[in-house]
PDB file of all heavy atoms in Angstrom:
ATOM      1  N   SER A   1     -13.058 -18.802 -21.184  1.00  0.00           N
ATOM      2  CA  SER A   1     -13.237 -19.883 -22.167  1.00  0.00           C
ATOM      3  C   SER A   1     -12.452 -21.135 -21.811  1.00  0.00           C
ATOM      4  O   SER A   1     -12.657 -22.183 -22.417  1.00  0.00           O
ATOM      5  CB  SER A   1     -12.811 -19.397 -23.548  1.00  0.00           C
ATOM      6  OG  SER A   1     -11.454 -18.987 -23.532  1.00  0.00           O
ATOM      7  N   ARG A   2     -11.569 -21.008 -20.838  1.00  0.00           N
ATOM      8  CA  ARG A   2     -10.809 -22.168 -20.388  1.00  0.00           C
ATOM      9  C   ARG A   2     -10.507 -22.002 -18.916  1.00  0.00           C
ATOM     10  O   ARG A   2     -10.867 -21.004 -18.293  1.00  0.00           O
ATOM     11  CB  ARG A   2      -9.512 -22.311 -21.192  1.00  0.00           C
ATOM     12  CG  ARG A   2      -8.532 -21.171 -21.028  1.00  0.00           C
ATOM     13  CD  ARG A   2      -7.155 -21.545 -21.534  1.00  0.00           C
ATOM     14  NE  ARG A   2      -6.170 -20.488 -21.430  1.00  0.00           N
ATOM     15  CZ  ARG A   2      -5.530 -20.161 -20.323  1.00  0.00           C
ATOM     16  NH1 ARG A   2      -5.792 -20.789 -19.193  1.00  0.00           N
ATOM     17  NH2 ARG A   2      -4.615 -19.203 -20.341  1.00  0.00           N
ATOM     18  N   SER A   3      -9.797 -22.949 -18.357  1.00  0.00           N
ATOM     19  CA  SER A   3      -9.496 -22.927 -16.936  1.00  0.00           C
ATOM     20  C   SER A   3      -8.735 -21.656 -16.544  1.00  0.00           C
ATOM     21  O   SER A   3      -7.820 -21.223 -17.241  1.00  0.00           O
ATOM     22  CB  SER A   3      -8.666 -24.155 -16.567  1.00  0.00           C
ATOM     23  OG  SER A   3      -8.218 -24.053 -15.227  1.00  0.00           O
ATOM     24  N   ILE A   4      -9.155 -21.082 -15.420  1.00  0.00           N
ATOM     25  CA  ILE A   4      -8.462 -19.909 -14.880  1.00  0.00           C
ATOM     26  C   ILE A   4      -7.551 -20.283 -13.727  1.00  0.00           C
ATOM     27  O   ILE A   4      -6.943 -19.426 -13.102  1.00  0.00           O
ATOM     28  CB  ILE A   4      -9.455 -18.814 -14.435  1.00  0.00           C
ATOM     29  CG1 ILE A   4     -10.371 -19.346 -13.312  1.00  0.00           C
ATOM     30  CG2 ILE A   4     -10.270 -18.313 -15.610  1.00  0.00           C
ATOM     31  CD1 ILE A   4     -11.226 -18.257 -12.687  1.00  0.00           C
ATOM     32  N   PHE A   5      -7.459 -21.580 -13.449  1.00  0.00           N
ATOM     33  CA  PHE A   5      -6.719 -22.041 -12.276  1.00  0.00           C
ATOM     34  C   PHE A   5      -5.281 -21.546 -12.277  1.00  0.00           C
ATOM     35  O   PHE A   5      -4.743 -21.176 -11.238  1.00  0.00           O
ATOM     36  CB  PHE A   5      -6.747 -23.571 -12.232  1.00  0.00           C
ATOM     37  CG  PHE A   5      -6.039 -24.146 -11.050  1.00  0.00           C
ATOM     38  CD1 PHE A   5      -6.634 -24.142  -9.793  1.00  0.00           C
ATOM     39  CD2 PHE A   5      -4.756 -24.683 -11.164  1.00  0.00           C
ATOM     40  CE1 PHE A   5      -5.976 -24.657  -8.695  1.00  0.00           C
ATOM     41  CE2 PHE A   5      -4.094 -25.198 -10.072  1.00  0.00           C
ATOM     42  CZ  PHE A   5      -4.716 -25.191  -8.832  1.00  0.00           C
ATOM     43  N   SER A   6      -4.659 -21.550 -13.455  1.00  0.00           N
ATOM     44  CA  SER A   6      -3.243 -21.210 -13.526  1.00  0.00           C
ATOM     45  C   SER A   6      -2.978 -19.750 -13.879  1.00  0.00           C
ATOM     46  O   SER A   6      -1.822 -19.336 -13.959  1.00  0.00           O
ATOM     47  CB  SER A   6      -2.548 -22.105 -14.552  1.00  0.00           C
ATOM     48  OG  SER A   6      -3.104 -21.886 -15.828  1.00  0.00           O
ATOM     49  N   ILE A   7      -4.029 -18.981 -14.065  1.00  0.00           N
ATOM     50  CA  ILE A   7      -3.845 -17.567 -14.407  1.00  0.00           C
ATOM     51  C   ILE A   7      -3.390 -16.815 -13.167  1.00  0.00           C
ATOM     52  O   ILE A   7      -3.982 -16.951 -12.098  1.00  0.00           O
ATOM     53  CB  ILE A   7      -5.137 -16.966 -14.988  1.00  0.00           C
ATOM     54  CG1 ILE A   7      -5.460 -17.643 -16.329  1.00  0.00           C
ATOM     55  CG2 ILE A   7      -4.998 -15.465 -15.165  1.00  0.00           C
ATOM     56  CD1 ILE A   7      -6.751 -17.180 -16.961  1.00  0.00           C
ATOM     57  N   ASN A   8      -2.341 -16.018 -13.304  1.00  0.00           N
ATOM     58  CA  ASN A   8      -1.725 -15.370 -12.145  1.00  0.00           C
ATOM     59  C   ASN A   8      -2.704 -14.529 -11.339  1.00  0.00           C
ATOM     60  O   ASN A   8      -2.699 -14.555 -10.105  1.00  0.00           O
ATOM     61  CB  ASN A   8      -0.555 -14.501 -12.598  1.00  0.00           C
ATOM     62  CG  ASN A   8       0.600 -15.335 -13.119  1.00  0.00           C
ATOM     63  OD1 ASN A   8       0.793 -16.474 -12.702  1.00  0.00           O
ATOM     64  ND2 ASN A   8       1.360 -14.785 -14.045  1.00  0.00           N
ATOM     65  N   ALA A   9      -3.508 -13.759 -12.034  1.00  0.00           N
ATOM     66  CA  ALA A   9      -4.467 -12.905 -11.335  1.00  0.00           C
ATOM     67  C   ALA A   9      -5.595 -12.534 -12.290  1.00  0.00           C
ATOM     68  O   ALA A   9      -5.411 -12.494 -13.505  1.00  0.00           O
ATOM     69  CB  ALA A   9      -3.798 -11.640 -10.812  1.00  0.00           C
ATOM     70  N   MET A  10      -6.739 -12.257 -11.703  1.00  0.00           N
ATOM     71  CA  MET A  10      -7.896 -11.776 -12.452  1.00  0.00           C
ATOM     72  C   MET A  10      -8.302 -10.431 -11.854  1.00  0.00           C
ATOM     73  O   MET A  10      -8.435 -10.318 -10.632  1.00  0.00           O
ATOM     74  CB  MET A  10      -9.057 -12.767 -12.350  1.00  0.00           C
ATOM     75  CG  MET A  10      -8.763 -14.148 -12.932  1.00  0.00           C
ATOM     76  SD  MET A  10      -8.641 -14.164 -14.726  1.00  0.00           S
ATOM     77  CE  MET A  10     -10.321 -13.756 -15.212  1.00  0.00           C
ATOM     78  N   ASP A  11      -8.476  -9.475 -12.720  1.00  0.00           N
ATOM     79  CA  ASP A  11      -8.803  -8.122 -12.283  1.00  0.00           C
ATOM     80  C   ASP A  11     -10.167  -7.683 -12.796  1.00  0.00           C
ATOM     81  O   ASP A  11     -10.647  -8.170 -13.826  1.00  0.00           O
ATOM     82  CB  ASP A  11      -7.777  -7.120 -12.837  1.00  0.00           C
ATOM     83  CG  ASP A  11      -6.428  -7.200 -12.170  1.00  0.00           C
ATOM     84  OD1 ASP A  11      -6.243  -8.032 -11.268  1.00  0.00           O
ATOM     85  OD2 ASP A  11      -5.549  -6.412 -12.577  1.00  0.00           O
ATOM     86  N   TRP A  12     -10.733  -6.735 -12.092  1.00  0.00           N
ATOM     87  CA  TRP A  12     -11.849  -5.941 -12.595  1.00  0.00           C
ATOM     88  C   TRP A  12     -11.371  -4.496 -12.707  1.00  0.00           C
ATOM     89  O   TRP A  12     -10.745  -3.969 -11.777  1.00  0.00           O
ATOM     90  CB  TRP A  12     -13.058  -6.005 -11.671  1.00  0.00           C
ATOM     91  CG  TRP A  12     -13.835  -7.285 -11.762  1.00  0.00           C
ATOM     92  CD1 TRP A  12     -13.743  -8.361 -10.946  1.00  0.00           C
ATOM     93  CD2 TRP A  12     -14.843  -7.611 -12.739  1.00  0.00           C
ATOM     94  NE1 TRP A  12     -14.618  -9.347 -11.346  1.00  0.00           N
ATOM     95  CE2 TRP A  12     -15.313  -8.906 -12.434  1.00  0.00           C
ATOM     96  CE3 TRP A  12     -15.400  -6.933 -13.823  1.00  0.00           C
ATOM     97  CZ2 TRP A  12     -16.308  -9.539 -13.184  1.00  0.00           C
ATOM     98  CZ3 TRP A  12     -16.391  -7.567 -14.561  1.00  0.00           C
ATOM     99  CH2 TRP A  12     -16.837  -8.851 -14.247  1.00  0.00           C
ATOM    100  N   PHE A  13     -11.691  -3.884 -13.837  1.00  0.00           N
ATOM    101  CA  PHE A  13     -11.453  -2.466 -14.076  1.00  0.00           C
ATOM    102  C   PHE A  13     -12.787  -1.838 -14.456  1.00  0.00           C
ATOM    103  O   PHE A  13     -13.763  -2.541 -14.747  1.00  0.00           O
ATOM    104  CB  PHE A  13     -10.465  -2.269 -15.240  1.00  0.00           C
ATOM    105  CG  PHE A  13      -9.021  -2.396 -14.858  1.00  0.00           C
ATOM    106  CD1 PHE A  13      -8.465  -3.629 -14.559  1.00  0.00           C
ATOM    107  CD2 PHE A  13      -8.208  -1.285 -14.811  1.00  0.00           C
ATOM    108  CE1 PHE A  13      -7.123  -3.745 -14.208  1.00  0.00           C
ATOM    109  CE2 PHE A  13      -6.857  -1.385 -14.475  1.00  0.00           C
ATOM    110  CZ  PHE A  13      -6.330  -2.627 -14.176  1.00  0.00           C
ATOM    111  N   ARG A  14     -12.812  -0.528 -14.464  1.00  0.00           N
ATOM    112  CA  ARG A  14     -13.994   0.172 -14.939  1.00  0.00           C
ATOM    113  C   ARG A  14     -13.590   1.457 -15.645  1.00  0.00           C
ATOM    114  O   ARG A  14     -12.521   2.006 -15.388  1.00  0.00           O
ATOM    115  CB  ARG A  14     -14.970   0.491 -13.797  1.00  0.00           C
ATOM    116  CG  ARG A  14     -14.454   1.481 -12.772  1.00  0.00           C
ATOM    117  CD  ARG A  14     -15.422   1.571 -11.609  1.00  0.00           C
ATOM    118  NE  ARG A  14     -14.980   2.537 -10.603  1.00  0.00           N
ATOM    119  CZ  ARG A  14     -15.583   2.717  -9.429  1.00  0.00           C
ATOM    120  NH1 ARG A  14     -16.655   1.991  -9.105  1.00  0.00           N
ATOM    121  NH2 ARG A  14     -15.119   3.611  -8.574  1.00  0.00           N
ATOM    122  N   GLN A  15     -14.452   1.889 -16.541  1.00  0.00           N
ATOM    123  CA  GLN A  15     -14.197   3.131 -17.270  1.00  0.00           C
ATOM    124  C   GLN A  15     -15.495   3.910 -17.381  1.00  0.00           C
ATOM    125  O   GLN A  15     -16.463   3.451 -17.996  1.00  0.00           O
ATOM    126  CB  GLN A  15     -13.631   2.842 -18.652  1.00  0.00           C
ATOM    127  CG  GLN A  15     -13.187   4.082 -19.394  1.00  0.00           C
ATOM    128  CD  GLN A  15     -12.329   3.764 -20.597  1.00  0.00           C
ATOM    129  OE1 GLN A  15     -12.310   2.651 -21.109  1.00  0.00           O
ATOM    130  NE2 GLN A  15     -11.585   4.758 -21.064  1.00  0.00           N
ATOM    131  N   ALA A  16     -15.493   5.088 -16.763  1.00  0.00           N
ATOM    132  CA  ALA A  16     -16.634   5.987 -16.838  1.00  0.00           C
ATOM    133  C   ALA A  16     -16.469   6.884 -18.060  1.00  0.00           C
ATOM    134  O   ALA A  16     -15.348   7.097 -18.540  1.00  0.00           O
ATOM    135  CB  ALA A  16     -16.731   6.813 -15.566  1.00  0.00           C
ATOM    136  N   PRO A  17     -17.573   7.449 -18.559  1.00  0.00           N
ATOM    137  CA  PRO A  17     -17.482   8.318 -19.741  1.00  0.00           C
ATOM    138  C   PRO A  17     -16.513   9.471 -19.518  1.00  0.00           C
ATOM    139  O   PRO A  17     -16.572  10.158 -18.490  1.00  0.00           O
ATOM    140  CB  PRO A  17     -18.916   8.827 -19.904  1.00  0.00           C
ATOM    141  CG  PRO A  17     -19.759   7.785 -19.269  1.00  0.00           C
ATOM    142  CD  PRO A  17     -18.958   7.248 -18.121  1.00  0.00           C
ATOM    143  N   GLY A  18     -15.613   9.654 -20.457  1.00  0.00           N
ATOM    144  CA  GLY A  18     -14.674  10.752 -20.381  1.00  0.00           C
ATOM    145  C   GLY A  18     -13.531  10.552 -19.408  1.00  0.00           C
ATOM    146  O   GLY A  18     -12.728  11.472 -19.196  1.00  0.00           O
ATOM    147  N   LYS A  19     -13.434   9.361 -18.815  1.00  0.00           N
ATOM    148  CA  LYS A  19     -12.381   9.097 -17.832  1.00  0.00           C
ATOM    149  C   LYS A  19     -11.525   7.915 -18.273  1.00  0.00           C
ATOM    150  O   LYS A  19     -11.916   7.121 -19.109  1.00  0.00           O
ATOM    151  CB  LYS A  19     -12.992   8.829 -16.455  1.00  0.00           C
ATOM    152  CG  LYS A  19     -13.711  10.009 -15.856  1.00  0.00           C
ATOM    153  CD  LYS A  19     -14.116   9.733 -14.422  1.00  0.00           C
ATOM    154  CE  LYS A  19     -14.772  10.938 -13.797  1.00  0.00           C
ATOM    155  NZ  LYS A  19     -15.157  10.686 -12.376  1.00  0.00           N
ATOM    156  N   GLN A  20     -10.365   7.830 -17.653  1.00  0.00           N
ATOM    157  CA  GLN A  20      -9.482   6.707 -17.949  1.00  0.00           C
ATOM    158  C   GLN A  20      -9.983   5.442 -17.260  1.00  0.00           C
ATOM    159  O   GLN A  20     -10.677   5.509 -16.230  1.00  0.00           O
ATOM    160  CB  GLN A  20      -8.060   7.026 -17.474  1.00  0.00           C
ATOM    161  CG  GLN A  20      -7.349   8.075 -18.311  1.00  0.00           C
ATOM    162  CD  GLN A  20      -5.878   8.178 -17.952  1.00  0.00           C
ATOM    163  OE1 GLN A  20      -5.478   7.921 -16.815  1.00  0.00           O
ATOM    164  NE2 GLN A  20      -5.049   8.542 -18.927  1.00  0.00           N
ATOM    165  N   ARG A  21      -9.602   4.314 -17.832  1.00  0.00           N
ATOM    166  CA  ARG A  21      -9.931   3.044 -17.197  1.00  0.00           C
ATOM    167  C   ARG A  21      -9.189   2.960 -15.868  1.00  0.00           C
ATOM    168  O   ARG A  21      -8.003   3.302 -15.775  1.00  0.00           O
ATOM    169  CB  ARG A  21      -9.529   1.889 -18.109  1.00  0.00           C
ATOM    170  CG  ARG A  21     -10.072   0.546 -17.700  1.00  0.00           C
ATOM    171  CD  ARG A  21      -9.822  -0.505 -18.776  1.00  0.00           C
ATOM    172  NE  ARG A  21     -10.544  -0.197 -20.007  1.00  0.00           N
ATOM    173  CZ  ARG A  21     -10.644  -1.058 -21.023  1.00  0.00           C
ATOM    174  NH1 ARG A  21     -10.078  -2.260 -20.943  1.00  0.00           N
ATOM    175  NH2 ARG A  21     -11.292  -0.712 -22.113  1.00  0.00           N
ATOM    176  N   GLU A  22      -9.887   2.520 -14.824  1.00  0.00           N
ATOM    177  CA  GLU A  22      -9.278   2.466 -13.503  1.00  0.00           C
ATOM    178  C   GLU A  22      -9.453   1.088 -12.876  1.00  0.00           C
ATOM    179  O   GLU A  22     -10.453   0.392 -13.108  1.00  0.00           O
ATOM    180  CB  GLU A  22      -9.871   3.535 -12.573  1.00  0.00           C
ATOM    181  CG  GLU A  22     -11.339   3.347 -12.251  1.00  0.00           C
ATOM    182  CD  GLU A  22     -11.852   4.353 -11.225  1.00  0.00           C
ATOM    183  OE1 GLU A  22     -11.084   5.225 -10.788  1.00  0.00           O
ATOM    184  OE2 GLU A  22     -13.033   4.240 -10.844  1.00  0.00           O
ATOM    185  N   PHE A  23      -8.481   0.736 -12.067  1.00  0.00           N
ATOM    186  CA  PHE A  23      -8.483  -0.532 -11.348  1.00  0.00           C
ATOM    187  C   PHE A  23      -9.580  -0.550 -10.294  1.00  0.00           C
ATOM    188  O   PHE A  23      -9.797   0.447  -9.591  1.00  0.00           O
ATOM    189  CB  PHE A  23      -7.121  -0.745 -10.691  1.00  0.00           C
ATOM    190  CG  PHE A  23      -7.063  -1.904  -9.749  1.00  0.00           C
ATOM    191  CD1 PHE A  23      -6.936  -3.190 -10.227  1.00  0.00           C
ATOM    192  CD2 PHE A  23      -7.143  -1.703  -8.370  1.00  0.00           C
ATOM    193  CE1 PHE A  23      -6.875  -4.259  -9.361  1.00  0.00           C
ATOM    194  CE2 PHE A  23      -7.080  -2.757  -7.493  1.00  0.00           C
ATOM    195  CZ  PHE A  23      -6.949  -4.046  -7.990  1.00  0.00           C
ATOM    196  N   VAL A  24     -10.244  -1.703 -10.175  1.00  0.00           N
ATOM    197  CA  VAL A  24     -11.291  -1.861  -9.162  1.00  0.00           C
ATOM    198  C   VAL A  24     -10.895  -2.928  -8.138  1.00  0.00           C
ATOM    199  O   VAL A  24     -10.907  -2.681  -6.935  1.00  0.00           O
ATOM    200  CB  VAL A  24     -12.634  -2.240  -9.809  1.00  0.00           C
ATOM    201  CG1 VAL A  24     -13.689  -2.536  -8.737  1.00  0.00           C
ATOM    202  CG2 VAL A  24     -13.112  -1.135 -10.737  1.00  0.00           C
ATOM    203  N   ALA A  25     -10.537  -4.127  -8.625  1.00  0.00           N
ATOM    204  CA  ALA A  25     -10.264  -5.226  -7.701  1.00  0.00           C
ATOM    205  C   ALA A  25      -9.422  -6.288  -8.391  1.00  0.00           C
ATOM    206  O   ALA A  25      -9.433  -6.408  -9.618  1.00  0.00           O
ATOM    207  CB  ALA A  25     -11.564  -5.841  -7.193  1.00  0.00           C
ATOM    208  N   ARG A  26      -8.725  -7.063  -7.564  1.00  0.00           N
ATOM    209  CA  ARG A  26      -7.883  -8.156  -8.058  1.00  0.00           C
ATOM    210  C   ARG A  26      -8.017  -9.353  -7.142  1.00  0.00           C
ATOM    211  O   ARG A  26      -8.120  -9.215  -5.914  1.00  0.00           O
ATOM    212  CB  ARG A  26      -6.422  -7.742  -8.125  1.00  0.00           C
ATOM    213  CG  ARG A  26      -5.447  -8.901  -8.382  1.00  0.00           C
ATOM    214  CD  ARG A  26      -4.045  -8.412  -8.600  1.00  0.00           C
ATOM    215  NE  ARG A  26      -3.960  -7.713  -9.883  1.00  0.00           N
ATOM    216  CZ  ARG A  26      -2.868  -7.101 -10.328  1.00  0.00           C
ATOM    217  NH1 ARG A  26      -1.776  -7.107  -9.587  1.00  0.00           N
ATOM    218  NH2 ARG A  26      -2.860  -6.497 -11.494  1.00  0.00           N
ATOM    219  N   ILE A  27      -7.969 -10.531  -7.768  1.00  0.00           N
ATOM    220  CA  ILE A  27      -7.840 -11.764  -7.009  1.00  0.00           C
ATOM    221  C   ILE A  27      -6.731 -12.576  -7.656  1.00  0.00           C
ATOM    222  O   ILE A  27      -6.722 -12.782  -8.876  1.00  0.00           O
ATOM    223  CB  ILE A  27      -9.174 -12.549  -6.922  1.00  0.00           C
ATOM    224  CG1 ILE A  27      -9.011 -13.753  -5.993  1.00  0.00           C
ATOM    225  CG2 ILE A  27      -9.680 -12.968  -8.297  1.00  0.00           C
ATOM    226  CD1 ILE A  27     -10.347 -14.343  -5.544  1.00  0.00           C
ATOM    227  N   THR A  28      -5.784 -13.026  -6.850  1.00  0.00           N
ATOM    228  CA  THR A  28      -4.639 -13.756  -7.379  1.00  0.00           C
ATOM    229  C   THR A  28      -4.938 -15.248  -7.454  1.00  0.00           C
ATOM    230  O   THR A  28      -5.952 -15.736  -6.947  1.00  0.00           O
ATOM    231  CB  THR A  28      -3.403 -13.547  -6.502  1.00  0.00           C
ATOM    232  OG1 THR A  28      -3.619 -14.204  -5.242  1.00  0.00           O
ATOM    233  CG2 THR A  28      -3.123 -12.077  -6.288  1.00  0.00           C
ATOM    234  N   LYS A  29      -3.995 -15.959  -8.062  1.00  0.00           N
ATOM    235  CA  LYS A  29      -4.115 -17.413  -8.168  1.00  0.00           C
ATOM    236  C   LYS A  29      -4.217 -18.029  -6.788  1.00  0.00           C
ATOM    237  O   LYS A  29      -4.930 -19.017  -6.589  1.00  0.00           O
ATOM    238  CB  LYS A  29      -2.894 -17.938  -8.915  1.00  0.00           C
ATOM    239  CG  LYS A  29      -2.883 -19.430  -9.159  1.00  0.00           C
ATOM    240  CD  LYS A  29      -1.808 -19.805 -10.165  1.00  0.00           C
ATOM    241  CE  LYS A  29      -0.435 -19.337  -9.787  1.00  0.00           C
ATOM    242  NZ  LYS A  29       0.606 -19.821 -10.731  1.00  0.00           N
ATOM    243  N   GLY A  30      -3.554 -17.411  -5.813  1.00  0.00           N
ATOM    244  CA  GLY A  30      -3.590 -17.937  -4.459  1.00  0.00           C
ATOM    245  C   GLY A  30      -4.767 -17.469  -3.638  1.00  0.00           C
ATOM    246  O   GLY A  30      -4.906 -17.856  -2.472  1.00  0.00           O
ATOM    247  N   GLY A  31      -5.612 -16.630  -4.234  1.00  0.00           N
ATOM    248  CA  GLY A  31      -6.805 -16.199  -3.534  1.00  0.00           C
ATOM    249  C   GLY A  31      -6.681 -14.861  -2.815  1.00  0.00           C
ATOM    250  O   GLY A  31      -7.618 -14.409  -2.162  1.00  0.00           O
ATOM    251  N   ARG A  32      -5.509 -14.229  -2.917  1.00  0.00           N
ATOM    252  CA  ARG A  32      -5.370 -12.909  -2.300  1.00  0.00           C
ATOM    253  C   ARG A  32      -6.178 -11.883  -3.074  1.00  0.00           C
ATOM    254  O   ARG A  32      -6.260 -11.945  -4.292  1.00  0.00           O
ATOM    255  CB  ARG A  32      -3.905 -12.483  -2.270  1.00  0.00           C
ATOM    256  CG  ARG A  32      -3.057 -13.258  -1.296  1.00  0.00           C
ATOM    257  CD  ARG A  32      -1.646 -12.715  -1.275  1.00  0.00           C
ATOM    258  NE  ARG A  32      -0.784 -13.438  -0.350  1.00  0.00           N
ATOM    259  CZ  ARG A  32       0.489 -13.168  -0.167  1.00  0.00           C
ATOM    260  NH1 ARG A  32       1.069 -12.186  -0.853  1.00  0.00           N
ATOM    261  NH2 ARG A  32       1.190 -13.879   0.691  1.00  0.00           N
ATOM    262  N   THR A  33      -6.734 -10.938  -2.339  1.00  0.00           N
ATOM    263  CA  THR A  33      -7.538  -9.901  -2.974  1.00  0.00           C
ATOM    264  C   THR A  33      -7.022  -8.522  -2.604  1.00  0.00           C
ATOM    265  O   THR A  33      -6.427  -8.337  -1.535  1.00  0.00           O
ATOM    266  CB  THR A  33      -9.008 -10.006  -2.562  1.00  0.00           C
ATOM    267  OG1 THR A  33      -9.116  -9.872  -1.140  1.00  0.00           O
ATOM    268  CG2 THR A  33      -9.607 -11.341  -2.979  1.00  0.00           C
ATOM    269  N   ASN A  34      -7.228  -7.572  -3.477  1.00  0.00           N
ATOM    270  CA  ASN A  34      -7.033  -6.176  -3.122  1.00  0.00           C
ATOM    271  C   ASN A  34      -7.983  -5.322  -3.936  1.00  0.00           C
ATOM    272  O   ASN A  34      -8.487  -5.747  -4.982  1.00  0.00           O
ATOM    273  CB  ASN A  34      -5.575  -5.720  -3.251  1.00  0.00           C
ATOM    274  CG  ASN A  34      -5.048  -5.773  -4.654  1.00  0.00           C
ATOM    275  OD1 ASN A  34      -4.923  -6.831  -5.236  1.00  0.00           O
ATOM    276  ND2 ASN A  34      -4.745  -4.617  -5.212  1.00  0.00           N
ATOM    277  N   TYR A  35      -8.253  -4.143  -3.397  1.00  0.00           N
ATOM    278  CA  TYR A  35      -9.311  -3.296  -3.923  1.00  0.00           C
ATOM    279  C   TYR A  35      -8.856  -1.845  -4.034  1.00  0.00           C
ATOM    280  O   TYR A  35      -8.009  -1.377  -3.269  1.00  0.00           O
ATOM    281  CB  TYR A  35     -10.531  -3.339  -2.997  1.00  0.00           C
ATOM    282  CG  TYR A  35     -11.128  -4.717  -2.841  1.00  0.00           C
ATOM    283  CD1 TYR A  35     -10.691  -5.567  -1.829  1.00  0.00           C
ATOM    284  CD2 TYR A  35     -12.112  -5.167  -3.709  1.00  0.00           C
ATOM    285  CE1 TYR A  35     -11.228  -6.836  -1.689  1.00  0.00           C
ATOM    286  CE2 TYR A  35     -12.663  -6.434  -3.575  1.00  0.00           C
ATOM    287  CZ  TYR A  35     -12.212  -7.261  -2.566  1.00  0.00           C
ATOM    288  OH  TYR A  35     -12.758  -8.517  -2.431  1.00  0.00           O
ATOM    289  N   ALA A  36      -9.478  -1.141  -4.942  1.00  0.00           N
ATOM    290  CA  ALA A  36      -9.312   0.305  -4.978  1.00  0.00           C
ATOM    291  C   ALA A  36      -9.951   0.888  -3.718  1.00  0.00           C
ATOM    292  O   ALA A  36     -10.952   0.363  -3.212  1.00  0.00           O
ATOM    293  CB  ALA A  36      -9.979   0.883  -6.224  1.00  0.00           C
ATOM    294  N   ASP A  37      -9.371   1.971  -3.224  1.00  0.00           N
ATOM    295  CA  ASP A  37      -9.908   2.582  -2.008  1.00  0.00           C
ATOM    296  C   ASP A  37     -11.375   2.964  -2.168  1.00  0.00           C
ATOM    297  O   ASP A  37     -12.154   2.893  -1.216  1.00  0.00           O
ATOM    298  CB  ASP A  37      -9.093   3.821  -1.643  1.00  0.00           C
ATOM    299  CG  ASP A  37      -7.717   3.469  -1.106  1.00  0.00           C
ATOM    300  OD1 ASP A  37      -7.504   2.299  -0.717  1.00  0.00           O
ATOM    301  OD2 ASP A  37      -6.854   4.365  -1.081  1.00  0.00           O
ATOM    302  N   SER A  38     -11.742   3.340  -3.369  1.00  0.00           N
ATOM    303  CA  SER A  38     -13.100   3.828  -3.601  1.00  0.00           C
ATOM    304  C   SER A  38     -14.170   2.739  -3.462  1.00  0.00           C
ATOM    305  O   SER A  38     -15.347   3.058  -3.324  1.00  0.00           O
ATOM    306  CB  SER A  38     -13.194   4.453  -4.993  1.00  0.00           C
ATOM    307  OG  SER A  38     -12.847   3.509  -5.990  1.00  0.00           O
ATOM    308  N   VAL A  39     -13.761   1.465  -3.488  1.00  0.00           N
ATOM    309  CA  VAL A  39     -14.751   0.380  -3.415  1.00  0.00           C
ATOM    310  C   VAL A  39     -14.552  -0.517  -2.198  1.00  0.00           C
ATOM    311  O   VAL A  39     -15.357  -1.421  -1.967  1.00  0.00           O
ATOM    312  CB  VAL A  39     -14.748  -0.473  -4.705  1.00  0.00           C
ATOM    313  CG1 VAL A  39     -14.924   0.411  -5.931  1.00  0.00           C
ATOM    314  CG2 VAL A  39     -13.499  -1.325  -4.816  1.00  0.00           C
ATOM    315  N   LYS A  40     -13.507  -0.286  -1.437  1.00  0.00           N
ATOM    316  CA  LYS A  40     -13.262  -1.124  -0.259  1.00  0.00           C
ATOM    317  C   LYS A  40     -14.449  -1.108   0.683  1.00  0.00           C
ATOM    318  O   LYS A  40     -15.021  -0.066   0.967  1.00  0.00           O
ATOM    319  CB  LYS A  40     -12.020  -0.623   0.484  1.00  0.00           C
ATOM    320  CG  LYS A  40     -10.711  -1.114  -0.078  1.00  0.00           C
ATOM    321  CD  LYS A  40      -9.537  -0.587   0.740  1.00  0.00           C
ATOM    322  CE  LYS A  40      -8.218  -1.010   0.128  1.00  0.00           C
ATOM    323  NZ  LYS A  40      -7.065  -0.425   0.847  1.00  0.00           N
ATOM    324  N   GLY A  41     -14.805  -2.303   1.139  1.00  0.00           N
ATOM    325  CA  GLY A  41     -15.922  -2.432   2.057  1.00  0.00           C
ATOM    326  C   GLY A  41     -17.271  -2.534   1.376  1.00  0.00           C
ATOM    327  O   GLY A  41     -18.274  -2.847   2.026  1.00  0.00           O
TER     328      GLY A  41
END
């Protein structure tokens, strides 16, 4: 709803039925990325 320029990082998570929410991917303010092993590549 507003600028994301100054937000430290933006993440994606996911939650499958009956499972805990899990980390998928992150992108930082500086553009660095990291991924869960299950989705890398």
